[in-house]
PDB file of N, CA and C in Angstrom:
ATOM      1  N   MET A   1     139.841  87.552 115.244  1.00  0.00           N
ATOM      2  CA  MET A   1     138.979  86.695 115.189  1.00  0.00           C
ATOM      3  C   MET A   1     137.437  87.543 115.281  1.00  0.00           C
ATOM      4  N   LYS A   2     137.385  88.401 116.359  1.00  0.00           N
ATOM      5  CA  LYS A   2     136.190  88.929 116.224  1.00  0.00           C
ATOM      6  C   LYS A   2     135.868  89.844 115.174  1.00  0.00           C
ATOM      7  N   ASP A   3     136.471  90.264 114.241  1.00  0.00           N
ATOM      8  CA  ASP A   3     136.461  91.242 113.249  1.00  0.00           C
ATOM      9  C   ASP A   3     136.207  90.381 111.993  1.00  0.00           C
ATOM     10  N   ARG A   4     136.529  89.147 111.906  1.00  0.00           N
ATOM     11  CA  ARG A   4     135.935  88.043 110.778  1.00  0.00           C
ATOM     12  C   ARG A   4     134.677  87.995 111.032  1.00  0.00           C
ATOM     13  N   ILE A   5     134.343  87.612 112.389  1.00  0.00           N
ATOM     14  CA  ILE A   5     132.989  86.908 112.662  1.00  0.00           C
ATOM     15  C   ILE A   5     132.143  88.255 112.282  1.00  0.00           C
ATOM     16  N   GLN A   6     132.344  89.440 112.764  1.00  0.00           N
ATOM     17  CA  GLN A   6     131.751  90.803 112.524  1.00  0.00           C
ATOM     18  C   GLN A   6     131.375  90.842 111.010  1.00  0.00           C
ATOM     19  N   TYR A   7     132.569  90.458 110.202  1.00  0.00           N
ATOM     20  CA  TYR A   7     132.423  90.817 108.743  1.00  0.00           C
ATOM     21  C   TYR A   7     131.377  89.702 108.371  1.00  0.00           C
ATOM     22  N   TRP A   8     131.145  88.791 108.675  1.00  0.00           N
ATOM     23  CA  TRP A   8     130.091  88.015 108.100  1.00  0.00           C
ATOM     24  C   TRP A   8     128.747  88.154 108.476  1.00  0.00           C
ATOM     25  N   ILE A   9     128.802  88.609 109.760  1.00  0.00           N
ATOM     26  CA  ILE A   9     127.518  89.571 110.383  1.00  0.00           C
ATOM     27  C   ILE A   9     126.955  90.460 109.755  1.00  0.00           C
ATOM     28  N   ASP A  10     127.791  91.562 109.246  1.00  0.00           N
ATOM     29  CA  ASP A  10     127.679  92.772 108.841  1.00  0.00           C
ATOM     30  C   ASP A  10     127.163  92.277 107.336  1.00  0.00           C
ATOM     31  N   LEU A  11     127.512  91.145 106.561  1.00  0.00           N
ATOM     32  CA  LEU A  11     127.327  90.876 105.228  1.00  0.00           C
ATOM     33  C   LEU A  11     125.935  90.483 105.175  1.00  0.00           C
ATOM     34  N   SER A  12     125.641  89.720 106.560  1.00  0.00           N
ATOM     35  CA  SER A  12     124.105  89.035 106.571  1.00  0.00           C
ATOM     36  C   SER A  12     123.290  90.026 106.814  1.00  0.00           C
ATOM     37  N   GLU A  13     123.544  90.939 107.732  1.00  0.00           N
ATOM     38  CA  GLU A  13     122.501  92.154 108.065  1.00  0.00           C
ATOM     39  C   GLU A  13     122.155  92.897 106.612  1.00  0.00           C
ATOM     40  N   TYR A  14     123.144  93.175 105.874  1.00  0.00           N
ATOM     41  CA  TYR A  14     122.913  93.661 104.697  1.00  0.00           C
ATOM     42  C   TYR A  14     122.074  93.105 103.815  1.00  0.00           C
ATOM     43  N   ASP A  15     122.269  91.702 103.697  1.00  0.00           N
ATOM     44  CA  ASP A  15     121.323  90.856 102.928  1.00  0.00           C
ATOM     45  C   ASP A  15     120.068  90.506 103.255  1.00  0.00           C
ATOM     46  N   LEU A  16     119.863  90.866 104.614  1.00  0.00           N
ATOM     47  CA  LEU A  16     118.687  90.766 105.588  1.00  0.00           C
ATOM     48  C   LEU A  16     117.602  91.935 105.102  1.00  0.00           C
ATOM     49  N   GLU A  17     118.759  93.187 104.941  1.00  0.00           N
ATOM     50  CA  GLU A  17     117.825  94.097 104.998  1.00  0.00           C
ATOM     51  C   GLU A  17     117.135  94.216 103.301  1.00  0.00           C
ATOM     52  N   THR A  18     118.280  93.706 102.173  1.00  0.00           N
ATOM     53  CA  THR A  18     117.846  93.814 100.635  1.00  0.00           C
ATOM     54  C   THR A  18     116.618  92.568 100.484  1.00  0.00           C
ATOM     55  N   ALA A  19     116.608  91.698 101.616  1.00  0.00           N
ATOM     56  CA  ALA A  19     115.620  90.757 101.326  1.00  0.00           C
ATOM     57  C   ALA A  19     114.346  91.495 101.451  1.00  0.00           C
ATOM     58  N   GLN A  20     114.368  92.188 102.448  1.00  0.00           N
ATOM     59  CA  GLN A  20     113.073  93.138 102.861  1.00  0.00           C
ATOM     60  C   GLN A  20     112.727  93.976 101.794  1.00  0.00           C
ATOM     61  N   VAL A  21     113.698  94.855 101.148  1.00  0.00           N
ATOM     62  CA  VAL A  21     113.638  95.820  99.835  1.00  0.00           C
ATOM     63  C   VAL A  21     112.890  94.722  98.817  1.00  0.00           C
ATOM     64  N   MET A  22     113.420  93.624  98.656  1.00  0.00           N
ATOM     65  CA  MET A  22     112.696  92.961  97.576  1.00  0.00           C
ATOM     66  C   MET A  22     111.417  92.391  97.760  1.00  0.00           C
ATOM     67  N   LEU A  23     111.039  92.101  98.935  1.00  0.00           N
ATOM     68  CA  LEU A  23     109.819  91.838  99.173  1.00  0.00           C
ATOM     69  C   LEU A  23     108.998  93.354  99.106  1.00  0.00           C
ATOM     70  N   ASP A  24     109.329  94.334  99.497  1.00  0.00           N
ATOM     71  CA  ASP A  24     108.443  95.292  99.429  1.00  0.00           C
ATOM     72  C   ASP A  24     108.464  95.700  97.816  1.00  0.00           C
ATOM     73  N   GLY A  25     109.277  95.481  97.182  1.00  0.00           N
ATOM     74  CA  GLY A  25     109.377  95.701  95.673  1.00  0.00           C
ATOM     75  C   GLY A  25     108.682  94.375  94.937  1.00  0.00           C
ATOM     76  N   LYS A  26     108.008  93.487  95.494  1.00  0.00           N
ATOM     77  CA  LYS A  26     107.459  92.406  94.938  1.00  0.00           C
ATOM     78  C   LYS A  26     108.557  91.610  93.979  1.00  0.00           C
ATOM     79  N   ARG A  27     109.663  91.496  94.216  1.00  0.00           N
ATOM     80  CA  ARG A  27     110.916  90.724  93.739  1.00  0.00           C
ATOM     81  C   ARG A  27     110.628  89.445  94.135  1.00  0.00           C
ATOM     82  N   PHE A  28     109.940  88.480  94.137  1.00  0.00           N
ATOM     83  CA  PHE A  28     109.952  87.517  95.203  1.00  0.00           C
ATOM     84  C   PHE A  28     111.082  86.238  94.926  1.00  0.00           C
ATOM     85  N   LEU A  29     111.231  86.319  93.653  1.00  0.00           N
ATOM     86  CA  LEU A  29     112.598  85.460  93.411  1.00  0.00           C
ATOM     87  C   LEU A  29     113.746  85.738  94.285  1.00  0.00           C
ATOM     88  N   TYR A  30     113.881  86.884  94.494  1.00  0.00           N
ATOM     89  CA  TYR A  30     115.275  87.308  95.109  1.00  0.00           C
ATOM     90  C   TYR A  30     115.225  87.464  96.710  1.00  0.00           C
ATOM     91  N   VAL A  31     113.666  87.330  97.071  1.00  0.00           N
ATOM     92  CA  VAL A  31     113.709  87.401  98.424  1.00  0.00           C
ATOM     93  C   VAL A  31     114.295  85.933  98.678  1.00  0.00           C
ATOM     94  N   GLY A  32     113.877  84.945  98.306  1.00  0.00           N
ATOM     95  CA  GLY A  32     114.482  83.796  98.818  1.00  0.00           C
ATOM     96  C   GLY A  32     115.978  83.725  98.471  1.00  0.00           C
ATOM     97  N   PHE A  33     116.385  84.120  97.309  1.00  0.00           N
ATOM     98  CA  PHE A  33     117.578  84.323  97.257  1.00  0.00           C
ATOM     99  C   PHE A  33     118.620  84.564  98.282  1.00  0.00           C
ATOM    100  N   MET A  34     118.209  85.984  98.709  1.00  0.00           N
ATOM    101  CA  MET A  34     118.773  86.986  99.710  1.00  0.00           C
ATOM    102  C   MET A  34     118.569  86.063 101.023  1.00  0.00           C
ATOM    103  N   CYS A  35     117.375  85.634 101.406  1.00  0.00           N
ATOM    104  CA  CYS A  35     117.675  84.687 102.409  1.00  0.00           C
ATOM    105  C   CYS A  35     118.220  83.639 102.893  1.00  0.00           C
ATOM    106  N   HIS A  36     118.569  83.022 101.585  1.00  0.00           N
ATOM    107  CA  HIS A  36     119.421  81.936 101.712  1.00  0.00           C
ATOM    108  C   HIS A  36     120.877  82.565 101.920  1.00  0.00           C
ATOM    109  N   GLN A  37     121.077  83.701 101.194  1.00  0.00           N
ATOM    110  CA  GLN A  37     122.506  84.365 101.547  1.00  0.00           C
ATOM    111  C   GLN A  37     122.654  84.787 103.096  1.00  0.00           C
ATOM    112  N   VAL A  38     121.590  85.343 103.850  1.00  0.00           N
ATOM    113  CA  VAL A  38     121.641  85.651 105.172  1.00  0.00           C
ATOM    114  C   VAL A  38     121.859  84.564 105.825  1.00  0.00           C
ATOM    115  N   ILE A  39     121.227  83.300 105.854  1.00  0.00           N
ATOM    116  CA  ILE A  39     121.885  82.220 106.812  1.00  0.00           C
ATOM    117  C   ILE A  39     122.965  81.528 106.311  1.00  0.00           C
ATOM    118  N   GLU A  40     123.620  81.572 105.095  1.00  0.00           N
ATOM    119  CA  GLU A  40     124.827  81.146 104.780  1.00  0.00           C
ATOM    120  C   GLU A  40     125.656  82.012 105.225  1.00  0.00           C
ATOM    121  N   LYS A  41     125.701  83.246 105.416  1.00  0.00           N
ATOM    122  CA  LYS A  41     126.570  83.999 106.042  1.00  0.00           C
ATOM    123  C   LYS A  41     126.657  84.143 107.515  1.00  0.00           C
ATOM    124  N   MET A  42     125.486  83.575 108.032  1.00  0.00           N
ATOM    125  CA  MET A  42     125.351  83.746 109.665  1.00  0.00           C
ATOM    126  C   MET A  42     126.200  82.335 110.058  1.00  0.00           C
ATOM    127  N   LEU A  43     126.001  81.461 109.013  1.00  0.00           N
ATOM    128  CA  LEU A  43     126.635  79.897 109.459  1.00  0.00           C
ATOM    129  C   LEU A  43     128.134  80.215 109.204  1.00  0.00           C
ATOM    130  N   LYS A  44     128.738  80.992 108.576  1.00  0.00           N
ATOM    131  CA  LYS A  44     129.977  81.132 108.178  1.00  0.00           C
ATOM    132  C   LYS A  44     130.434  82.058 109.533  1.00  0.00           C
ATOM    133  N   ALA A  45     129.764  82.876 109.841  1.00  0.00           N
ATOM    134  CA  ALA A  45     130.254  83.669 110.920  1.00  0.00           C
ATOM    135  C   ALA A  45     130.340  82.685 112.363  1.00  0.00           C
ATOM    136  N   TYR A  46     129.483  81.736 112.480  1.00  0.00           N
ATOM    137  CA  TYR A  46     129.652  80.826 113.154  1.00  0.00           C
ATOM    138  C   TYR A  46     130.725  79.683 113.377  1.00  0.00           C
ATOM    139  N   TYR A  47     131.028  79.539 111.943  1.00  0.00           N
ATOM    140  CA  TYR A  47     132.078  78.605 111.602  1.00  0.00           C
ATOM    141  C   TYR A  47     133.383  79.128 111.980  1.00  0.00           C
ATOM    142  N   VAL A  48     133.647  80.628 111.828  1.00  0.00           N
ATOM    143  CA  VAL A  48     134.806  81.226 112.249  1.00  0.00           C
ATOM    144  C   VAL A  48     134.961  81.268 113.786  1.00  0.00           C
ATOM    145  N   PHE A  49     133.645  81.544 114.349  1.00  0.00           N
ATOM    146  CA  PHE A  49     133.650  81.459 115.919  1.00  0.00           C
ATOM    147  C   PHE A  49     133.869  80.276 116.584  1.00  0.00           C
ATOM    148  N   ILE A  50     133.830  79.004 115.841  1.00  0.00           N
ATOM    149  CA  ILE A  50     134.166  77.510 116.523  1.00  0.00           C
ATOM    150  C   ILE A  50     135.189  77.313 115.829  1.00  0.00           C
ATOM    151  N   ASN A  51     135.564  77.933 114.820  1.00  0.00           N
ATOM    152  CA  ASN A  51     136.937  76.849 114.493  1.00  0.00           C
ATOM    153  C   ASN A  51     138.078  78.077 114.365  1.00  0.00           C
ATOM    154  N   ASN A  52     138.014  79.274 114.560  1.00  0.00           N
ATOM    155  CA  ASN A  52     139.061  80.247 114.451  1.00  0.00           C
ATOM    156  C   ASN A  52     139.566  80.361 113.042  1.00  0.00           C
ATOM    157  N   ASP A  53     139.083  79.873 112.327  1.00  0.00           N
ATOM    158  CA  ASP A  53     139.477  79.699 110.905  1.00  0.00           C
ATOM    159  C   ASP A  53     138.756  80.182 109.578  1.00  0.00           C
ATOM    160  N   ASN A  54     138.775  80.447 108.515  1.00  0.00           N
ATOM    161  CA  ASN A  54     138.014  80.724 107.447  1.00  0.00           C
ATOM    162  C   ASN A  54     136.961  79.601 107.157  1.00  0.00           C
ATOM    163  N   PRO A  55     135.683  79.917 106.600  1.00  0.00           N
ATOM    164  CA  PRO A  55     134.921  78.914 106.451  1.00  0.00           C
ATOM    165  C   PRO A  55     134.893  78.488 105.019  1.00  0.00           C
ATOM    166  N   PRO A  56     134.537  77.271 104.479  1.00  0.00           N
ATOM    167  CA  PRO A  56     134.679  76.689 103.385  1.00  0.00           C
ATOM    168  C   PRO A  56     134.016  77.447 102.518  1.00  0.00           C
ATOM    169  N   TYR A  57     134.642  77.423 100.897  1.00  0.00           N
ATOM    170  CA  TYR A  57     133.915  78.247  99.932  1.00  0.00           C
ATOM    171  C   TYR A  57     133.122  77.338  99.375  1.00  0.00           C
ATOM    172  N   ILE A  58     131.881  77.233 100.051  1.00  0.00           N
ATOM    173  CA  ILE A  58     130.936  76.477  99.637  1.00  0.00           C
ATOM    174  C   ILE A  58     129.521  77.425 100.276  1.00  0.00           C
ATOM    175  N   HIS A  59     128.421  76.954  99.359  1.00  0.00           N
ATOM    176  CA  HIS A  59     127.127  77.673  99.554  1.00  0.00           C
ATOM    177  C   HIS A  59     126.104  76.761 100.456  1.00  0.00           C
ATOM    178  N   ASN A  60     126.312  75.401 100.461  1.00  0.00           N
ATOM    179  CA  ASN A  60     125.469  74.334 100.996  1.00  0.00           C
ATOM    180  C   ASN A  60     125.349  74.719 102.505  1.00  0.00           C
ATOM    181  N   LEU A  61     124.157  75.068 103.157  1.00  0.00           N
ATOM    182  CA  LEU A  61     123.953  75.255 104.131  1.00  0.00           C
ATOM    183  C   LEU A  61     124.041  74.144 105.282  1.00  0.00           C
ATOM    184  N   GLY A  62     123.605  73.295 105.070  1.00  0.00           N
ATOM    185  CA  GLY A  62     123.601  71.930 105.504  1.00  0.00           C
ATOM    186  C   GLY A  62     125.176  71.681 105.883  1.00  0.00           C
ATOM    187  N   TYR A  63     125.782  71.721 104.946  1.00  0.00           N
ATOM    188  CA  TYR A  63     127.081  70.909 105.019  1.00  0.00           C
ATOM    189  C   TYR A  63     127.703  72.103 106.072  1.00  0.00           C
ATOM    190  N   LEU A  64     127.835  73.515 105.637  1.00  0.00           N
ATOM    191  CA  LEU A  64     128.079  74.548 106.818  1.00  0.00           C
ATOM    192  C   LEU A  64     127.815  74.642 108.231  1.00  0.00           C
ATOM    193  N   ALA A  65     126.408  74.158 108.180  1.00  0.00           N
ATOM    194  CA  ALA A  65     125.818  73.872 109.707  1.00  0.00           C
ATOM    195  C   ALA A  65     126.489  72.694 110.330  1.00  0.00           C
ATOM    196  N   GLU A  66     126.864  71.626 109.653  1.00  0.00           N
ATOM    197  CA  GLU A  66     127.607  70.569 110.054  1.00  0.00           C
ATOM    198  C   GLU A  66     128.843  70.761 110.596  1.00  0.00           C
ATOM    199  N   LYS A  67     129.414  71.261 109.423  1.00  0.00           N
ATOM    200  CA  LYS A  67     131.064  71.566 109.705  1.00  0.00           C
ATOM    201  C   LYS A  67     131.284  72.663 110.955  1.00  0.00           C
ATOM    202  N   SER A  68     130.276  73.434 111.337  1.00  0.00           N
ATOM    203  CA  SER A  68     130.572  74.341 111.968  1.00  0.00           C
ATOM    204  C   SER A  68     130.069  73.715 113.431  1.00  0.00           C
ATOM    205  N   GLY A  69     129.235  72.892 113.487  1.00  0.00           N
ATOM    206  CA  GLY A  69     129.025  72.030 114.581  1.00  0.00           C
ATOM    207  C   GLY A  69     127.479  72.451 115.414  1.00  0.00           C
ATOM    208  N   ILE A  70     127.001  73.470 114.313  1.00  0.00           N
ATOM    209  CA  ILE A  70     125.589  73.931 115.130  1.00  0.00           C
ATOM    210  C   ILE A  70     124.533  73.294 114.609  1.00  0.00           C
ATOM    211  N   TYR A  71     124.474  72.246 113.533  1.00  0.00           N
ATOM    212  CA  TYR A  71     123.528  71.479 113.245  1.00  0.00           C
ATOM    213  C   TYR A  71     122.958  70.654 114.419  1.00  0.00           C
ATOM    214  N   ILE A  72     123.742  70.367 115.196  1.00  0.00           N
ATOM    215  CA  ILE A  72     123.156  69.229 116.128  1.00  0.00           C
ATOM    216  C   ILE A  72     122.290  70.011 117.156  1.00  0.00           C
ATOM    217  N   ASN A  73     122.654  71.296 117.169  1.00  0.00           N
ATOM    218  CA  ASN A  73     121.826  71.835 118.195  1.00  0.00           C
ATOM    219  C   ASN A  73     120.295  72.458 117.464  1.00  0.00           C
ATOM    220  N   MET A  74     120.504  72.356 116.472  1.00  0.00           N
ATOM    221  CA  MET A  74     119.082  72.890 115.623  1.00  0.00           C
ATOM    222  C   MET A  74     117.865  72.059 115.766  1.00  0.00           C
ATOM    223  N   THR A  75     116.561  72.721 115.713  1.00  0.00           N
ATOM    224  CA  THR A  75     115.532  71.837 115.985  1.00  0.00           C
ATOM    225  C   THR A  75     115.368  71.619 114.313  1.00  0.00           C
ATOM    226  N   GLU A  76     114.500  70.437 114.436  1.00  0.00           N
ATOM    227  CA  GLU A  76     113.908  69.985 113.333  1.00  0.00           C
ATOM    228  C   GLU A  76     113.400  71.043 111.963  1.00  0.00           C
ATOM    229  N   GLU A  77     112.829  71.898 112.676  1.00  0.00           N
ATOM    230  CA  GLU A  77     111.894  72.996 111.851  1.00  0.00           C
ATOM    231  C   GLU A  77     113.067  73.842 111.156  1.00  0.00           C
ATOM    232  N   GLN A  78     114.202  74.076 111.939  1.00  0.00           N
ATOM    233  CA  GLN A  78     115.370  75.063 111.778  1.00  0.00           C
ATOM    234  C   GLN A  78     116.190  74.175 110.608  1.00  0.00           C
ATOM    235  N   LYS A  79     116.058  72.843 110.602  1.00  0.00           N
ATOM    236  CA  LYS A  79     116.894  72.109 109.618  1.00  0.00           C
ATOM    237  C   LYS A  79     116.012  71.993 108.280  1.00  0.00           C
ATOM    238  N   ASP A  80     114.538  71.806 108.721  1.00  0.00           N
ATOM    239  CA  ASP A  80     113.585  71.557 107.426  1.00  0.00           C
ATOM    240  C   ASP A  80     113.816  73.011 106.634  1.00  0.00           C
ATOM    241  N   PHE A  81     113.951  74.173 107.432  1.00  0.00           N
ATOM    242  CA  PHE A  81     113.750  75.715 106.820  1.00  0.00           C
ATOM    243  C   PHE A  81     114.763  75.582 105.624  1.00  0.00           C
ATOM    244  N   MET A  82     116.523  75.272 106.380  1.00  0.00           N
ATOM    245  CA  MET A  82     117.379  75.261 105.549  1.00  0.00           C
ATOM    246  C   MET A  82     117.309  74.478 104.421  1.00  0.00           C
ATOM    247  N   ASP A  83     116.673  73.369 104.397  1.00  0.00           N
ATOM    248  CA  ASP A  83     116.551  72.436 103.224  1.00  0.00           C
ATOM    249  C   ASP A  83     115.659  73.252 102.190  1.00  0.00           C
ATOM    250  N   PHE A  84     114.533  73.873 102.850  1.00  0.00           N
ATOM    251  CA  PHE A  84     113.806  74.495 101.881  1.00  0.00           C
ATOM    252  C   PHE A  84     114.276  75.802 101.182  1.00  0.00           C
ATOM    253  N   LEU A  85     115.418  76.311 101.975  1.00  0.00           N
ATOM    254  CA  LEU A  85     116.141  77.453 101.416  1.00  0.00           C
ATOM    255  C   LEU A  85     117.357  77.150 100.347  1.00  0.00           C
ATOM    256  N   GLU A  86     117.601  76.016 100.612  1.00  0.00           N
ATOM    257  CA  GLU A  86     118.705  75.551  99.742  1.00  0.00           C
ATOM    258  C   GLU A  86     118.607  75.684  98.322  1.00  0.00           C
ATOM    259  N   PRO A  87     117.498  75.166  97.540  1.00  0.00           N
ATOM    260  CA  PRO A  87     117.695  75.443  96.142  1.00  0.00           C
ATOM    261  C   PRO A  87     117.348  77.008  95.738  1.00  0.00           C
ATOM    262  N   LEU A  88     116.801  77.855  96.767  1.00  0.00           N
ATOM    263  CA  LEU A  88     116.478  79.041  96.193  1.00  0.00           C
ATOM    264  C   LEU A  88     117.965  79.989  95.805  1.00  0.00           C
ATOM    265  N   ASN A  89     119.229  79.508  96.296  1.00  0.00           N
ATOM    266  CA  ASN A  89     120.520  80.077  96.128  1.00  0.00           C
ATOM    267  C   ASN A  89     120.834  79.751  94.697  1.00  0.00           C
ATOM    268  N   VAL A  90     120.814  78.370  94.196  1.00  0.00           N
ATOM    269  CA  VAL A  90     121.353  77.848  93.013  1.00  0.00           C
ATOM    270  C   VAL A  90     120.329  77.931  91.748  1.00  0.00           C
ATOM    271  N   GLU A  91     119.299  77.444  92.082  1.00  0.00           N
ATOM    272  CA  GLU A  91     118.195  77.513  90.909  1.00  0.00           C
ATOM    273  C   GLU A  91     117.459  79.005  90.600  1.00  0.00           C
ATOM    274  N   ALA A  92     117.470  80.088  91.719  1.00  0.00           N
ATOM    275  CA  ALA A  92     117.156  81.292  91.305  1.00  0.00           C
ATOM    276  C   ALA A  92     118.044  81.971  90.343  1.00  0.00           C
ATOM    277  N   ARG A  93     119.074  81.324  89.834  1.00  0.00           N
ATOM    278  CA  ARG A  93     120.592  82.203  89.232  1.00  0.00           C
ATOM    279  C   ARG A  93     119.950  81.572  87.731  1.00  0.00           C
ATOM    280  N   TYR A  94     119.408  80.431  87.326  1.00  0.00           N
ATOM    281  CA  TYR A  94     119.119  79.779  86.166  1.00  0.00           C
ATOM    282  C   TYR A  94     117.930  79.941  85.700  1.00  0.00           C
ATOM    283  N   PRO A  95     117.913  80.607  84.263  1.00  0.00           N
ATOM    284  CA  PRO A  95     116.550  80.665  83.774  1.00  0.00           C
ATOM    285  C   PRO A  95     115.716  79.261  83.545  1.00  0.00           C
ATOM    286  N   LYS A  96     116.311  78.049  83.595  1.00  0.00           N
ATOM    287  CA  LYS A  96     115.426  76.735  83.667  1.00  0.00           C
ATOM    288  C   LYS A  96     114.650  76.638  84.787  1.00  0.00           C
ATOM    289  N   TYR A  97     115.230  77.208  85.888  1.00  0.00           N
ATOM    290  CA  TYR A  97     114.591  76.866  87.350  1.00  0.00           C
ATOM    291  C   TYR A  97     113.786  78.055  87.601  1.00  0.00           C
ATOM    292  N   LYS A  98     113.980  79.440  87.330  1.00  0.00           N
ATOM    293  CA  LYS A  98     113.288  80.481  87.603  1.00  0.00           C
ATOM    294  C   LYS A  98     112.030  80.801  87.341  1.00  0.00           C
ATOM    295  N   GLU A  99     111.421  80.207  86.408  1.00  0.00           N
ATOM    296  CA  GLU A  99     109.733  80.241  86.205  1.00  0.00           C
ATOM    297  C   GLU A  99     109.170  79.527  87.158  1.00  0.00           C
ATOM    298  N   LYS A 100     109.985  78.248  87.040  1.00  0.00           N
ATOM    299  CA  LYS A 100     109.031  77.380  88.411  1.00  0.00           C
ATOM    300  C   LYS A 100     109.193  77.885  89.669  1.00  0.00           C
ATOM    301  N   ILE A 101     110.407  78.346  90.034  1.00  0.00           N
ATOM    302  CA  ILE A 101     110.309  78.638  91.413  1.00  0.00           C
ATOM    303  C   ILE A 101     109.402  79.942  91.510  1.00  0.00           C
ATOM    304  N   MET A 102     109.261  81.086  90.409  1.00  0.00           N
ATOM    305  CA  MET A 102     108.518  82.376  90.665  1.00  0.00           C
ATOM    306  C   MET A 102     107.066  81.688  90.771  1.00  0.00           C
ATOM    307  N   GLN A 103     106.598  80.793  89.867  1.00  0.00           N
ATOM    308  CA  GLN A 103     105.001  80.025  90.213  1.00  0.00           C
ATOM    309  C   GLN A 103     104.762  79.720  91.803  1.00  0.00           C
ATOM    310  N   SER A 104     105.853  79.630  92.467  1.00  0.00           N
ATOM    311  CA  SER A 104     105.362  79.192  93.876  1.00  0.00           C
ATOM    312  C   SER A 104     105.690  80.348  95.089  1.00  0.00           C
ATOM    313  N   LEU A 105     106.198  81.316  94.212  1.00  0.00           N
ATOM    314  CA  LEU A 105     106.269  82.587  95.310  1.00  0.00           C
ATOM    315  C   LEU A 105     105.463  83.442  94.977  1.00  0.00           C
ATOM    316  N   ASN A 106     104.667  84.141  96.136  1.00  0.00           N
ATOM    317  CA  ASN A 106     103.914  85.198  96.212  1.00  0.00           C
ATOM    318  C   ASN A 106     104.025  86.125  97.581  1.00  0.00           C
ATOM    319  N   TYR A 107     103.571  87.310  97.560  1.00  0.00           N
ATOM    320  CA  TYR A 107     103.629  88.068  98.812  1.00  0.00           C
ATOM    321  C   TYR A 107     103.878  87.346 100.248  1.00  0.00           C
ATOM    322  N   ASP A 108     102.807  86.584 100.606  1.00  0.00           N
ATOM    323  CA  ASP A 108     102.410  86.134 101.783  1.00  0.00           C
ATOM    324  C   ASP A 108     103.777  84.545 102.052  1.00  0.00           C
ATOM    325  N   SER A 109     104.157  84.181 100.882  1.00  0.00           N
ATOM    326  CA  SER A 109     104.851  82.956 101.133  1.00  0.00           C
ATOM    327  C   SER A 109     106.184  83.631 101.315  1.00  0.00           C
ATOM    328  N   CYS A 110     106.617  84.607 101.049  1.00  0.00           N
ATOM    329  CA  CYS A 110     107.749  85.537 100.948  1.00  0.00           C
ATOM    330  C   CYS A 110     107.975  85.877 102.377  1.00  0.00           C
ATOM    331  N   LYS A 111     106.999  86.645 102.694  1.00  0.00           N
ATOM    332  CA  LYS A 111     107.117  87.070 103.834  1.00  0.00           C
ATOM    333  C   LYS A 111     107.114  86.157 105.036  1.00  0.00           C
ATOM    334  N   ASP A 112     106.777  85.070 104.937  1.00  0.00           N
ATOM    335  CA  ASP A 112     106.694  83.848 105.960  1.00  0.00           C
ATOM    336  C   ASP A 112     108.461  83.592 105.918  1.00  0.00           C
ATOM    337  N   ILE A 113     108.666  83.275 104.436  1.00  0.00           N
ATOM    338  CA  ILE A 113     110.238  83.080 104.434  1.00  0.00           C
ATOM    339  C   ILE A 113     111.261  83.995 104.959  1.00  0.00           C
ATOM    340  N   LEU A 114     110.876  85.282 105.004  1.00  0.00           N
ATOM    341  CA  LEU A 114     111.528  86.211 105.559  1.00  0.00           C
ATOM    342  C   LEU A 114     111.424  86.068 106.997  1.00  0.00           C
ATOM    343  N   GLN A 115     110.339  86.164 107.560  1.00  0.00           N
ATOM    344  CA  GLN A 115     110.140  85.958 109.029  1.00  0.00           C
ATOM    345  C   GLN A 115     111.059  84.530 109.799  1.00  0.00           C
ATOM    346  N   LYS A 116     110.967  83.566 108.828  1.00  0.00           N
ATOM    347  CA  LYS A 116     111.802  82.556 109.427  1.00  0.00           C
ATOM    348  C   LYS A 116     112.969  82.758 109.373  1.00  0.00           C
ATOM    349  N   THR A 117     113.687  83.342 108.285  1.00  0.00           N
ATOM    350  CA  THR A 117     115.059  83.698 108.185  1.00  0.00           C
ATOM    351  C   THR A 117     115.266  84.741 109.346  1.00  0.00           C
ATOM    352  N   LYS A 118     114.597  85.733 109.544  1.00  0.00           N
ATOM    353  CA  LYS A 118     115.029  86.414 110.661  1.00  0.00           C
ATOM    354  C   LYS A 118     115.278  85.811 111.834  1.00  0.00           C
ATOM    355  N   GLU A 119     114.236  85.027 112.156  1.00  0.00           N
ATOM    356  CA  GLU A 119     114.281  83.743 113.300  1.00  0.00           C
ATOM    357  C   GLU A 119     115.565  83.358 113.530  1.00  0.00           C
ATOM    358  N   LEU A 120     116.129  82.601 112.292  1.00  0.00           N
ATOM    359  CA  LEU A 120     117.270  81.753 112.127  1.00  0.00           C
ATOM    360  C   LEU A 120     118.243  82.472 112.375  1.00  0.00           C
ATOM    361  N   TYR A 121     118.472  83.812 111.912  1.00  0.00           N
ATOM    362  CA  TYR A 121     119.486  84.741 111.941  1.00  0.00           C
ATOM    363  C   TYR A 121     119.487  85.169 113.443  1.00  0.00           C
ATOM    364  N   LEU A 122     118.515  85.511 114.147  1.00  0.00           N
ATOM    365  CA  LEU A 122     118.703  85.888 115.666  1.00  0.00           C
ATOM    366  C   LEU A 122     119.191  84.994 116.404  1.00  0.00           C
ATOM    367  N   TRP A 123     118.651  83.458 116.039  1.00  0.00           N
ATOM    368  CA  TRP A 123     119.100  82.221 117.138  1.00  0.00           C
ATOM    369  C   TRP A 123     120.549  82.068 116.609  1.00  0.00           C
ATOM    370  N   ILE A 124     121.043  82.096 115.509  1.00  0.00           N
ATOM    371  CA  ILE A 124     122.682  82.102 115.301  1.00  0.00           C
ATOM    372  C   ILE A 124     123.334  83.181 116.122  1.00  0.00           C
ATOM    373  N   ASN A 125     122.849  84.341 115.709  1.00  0.00           N
ATOM    374  CA  ASN A 125     123.643  85.634 116.428  1.00  0.00           C
ATOM    375  C   ASN A 125     123.569  85.402 117.782  1.00  0.00           C
ATOM    376  N   LYS A 126     122.592  85.160 118.381  1.00  0.00           N
ATOM    377  CA  LYS A 126     122.629  84.580 119.976  1.00  0.00           C
ATOM    378  C   LYS A 126     123.763  84.041 120.317  1.00  0.00           C
ATOM    379  N   LEU A 127     123.914  82.756 119.528  1.00  0.00           N
ATOM    380  CA  LEU A 127     125.077  81.741 119.937  1.00  0.00           C
ATOM    381  C   LEU A 127     126.535  82.515 119.781  1.00  0.00           C
ATOM    382  N   LEU A 128     126.642  83.656 118.990  1.00  0.00           N
ATOM    383  CA  LEU A 128     127.971  84.082 118.706  1.00  0.00           C
ATOM    384  C   LEU A 128     128.560  84.980 119.943  1.00  0.00           C
TER     385      LEU A 128
END
């Protein structure tokens, strides 16, 4: 079980590093996308930790948080942040939405997103 948990943590750490590279390169759309991936994979690590089973093949952060049982322990700020990240996963992939999302992102907003992602990542990691 520990290996399966570590698998998700390792993927999450890689995505966190990638988000920083995207921020440094001013690839703002992909900062949000990678931050979603970080939290998704940490929630999957937590799901394995709690359920000793493979996580569901889904990208919905709220669903993963609820199914793993972590949602009830989250602050409203953490829940709101997950809600904010949710569309950055899917909508960032489709041209129809990319332009709209790109207009709302800049260096400062992405720096904030990355900081909040790191905080949530660390919080989940402490529970493992």
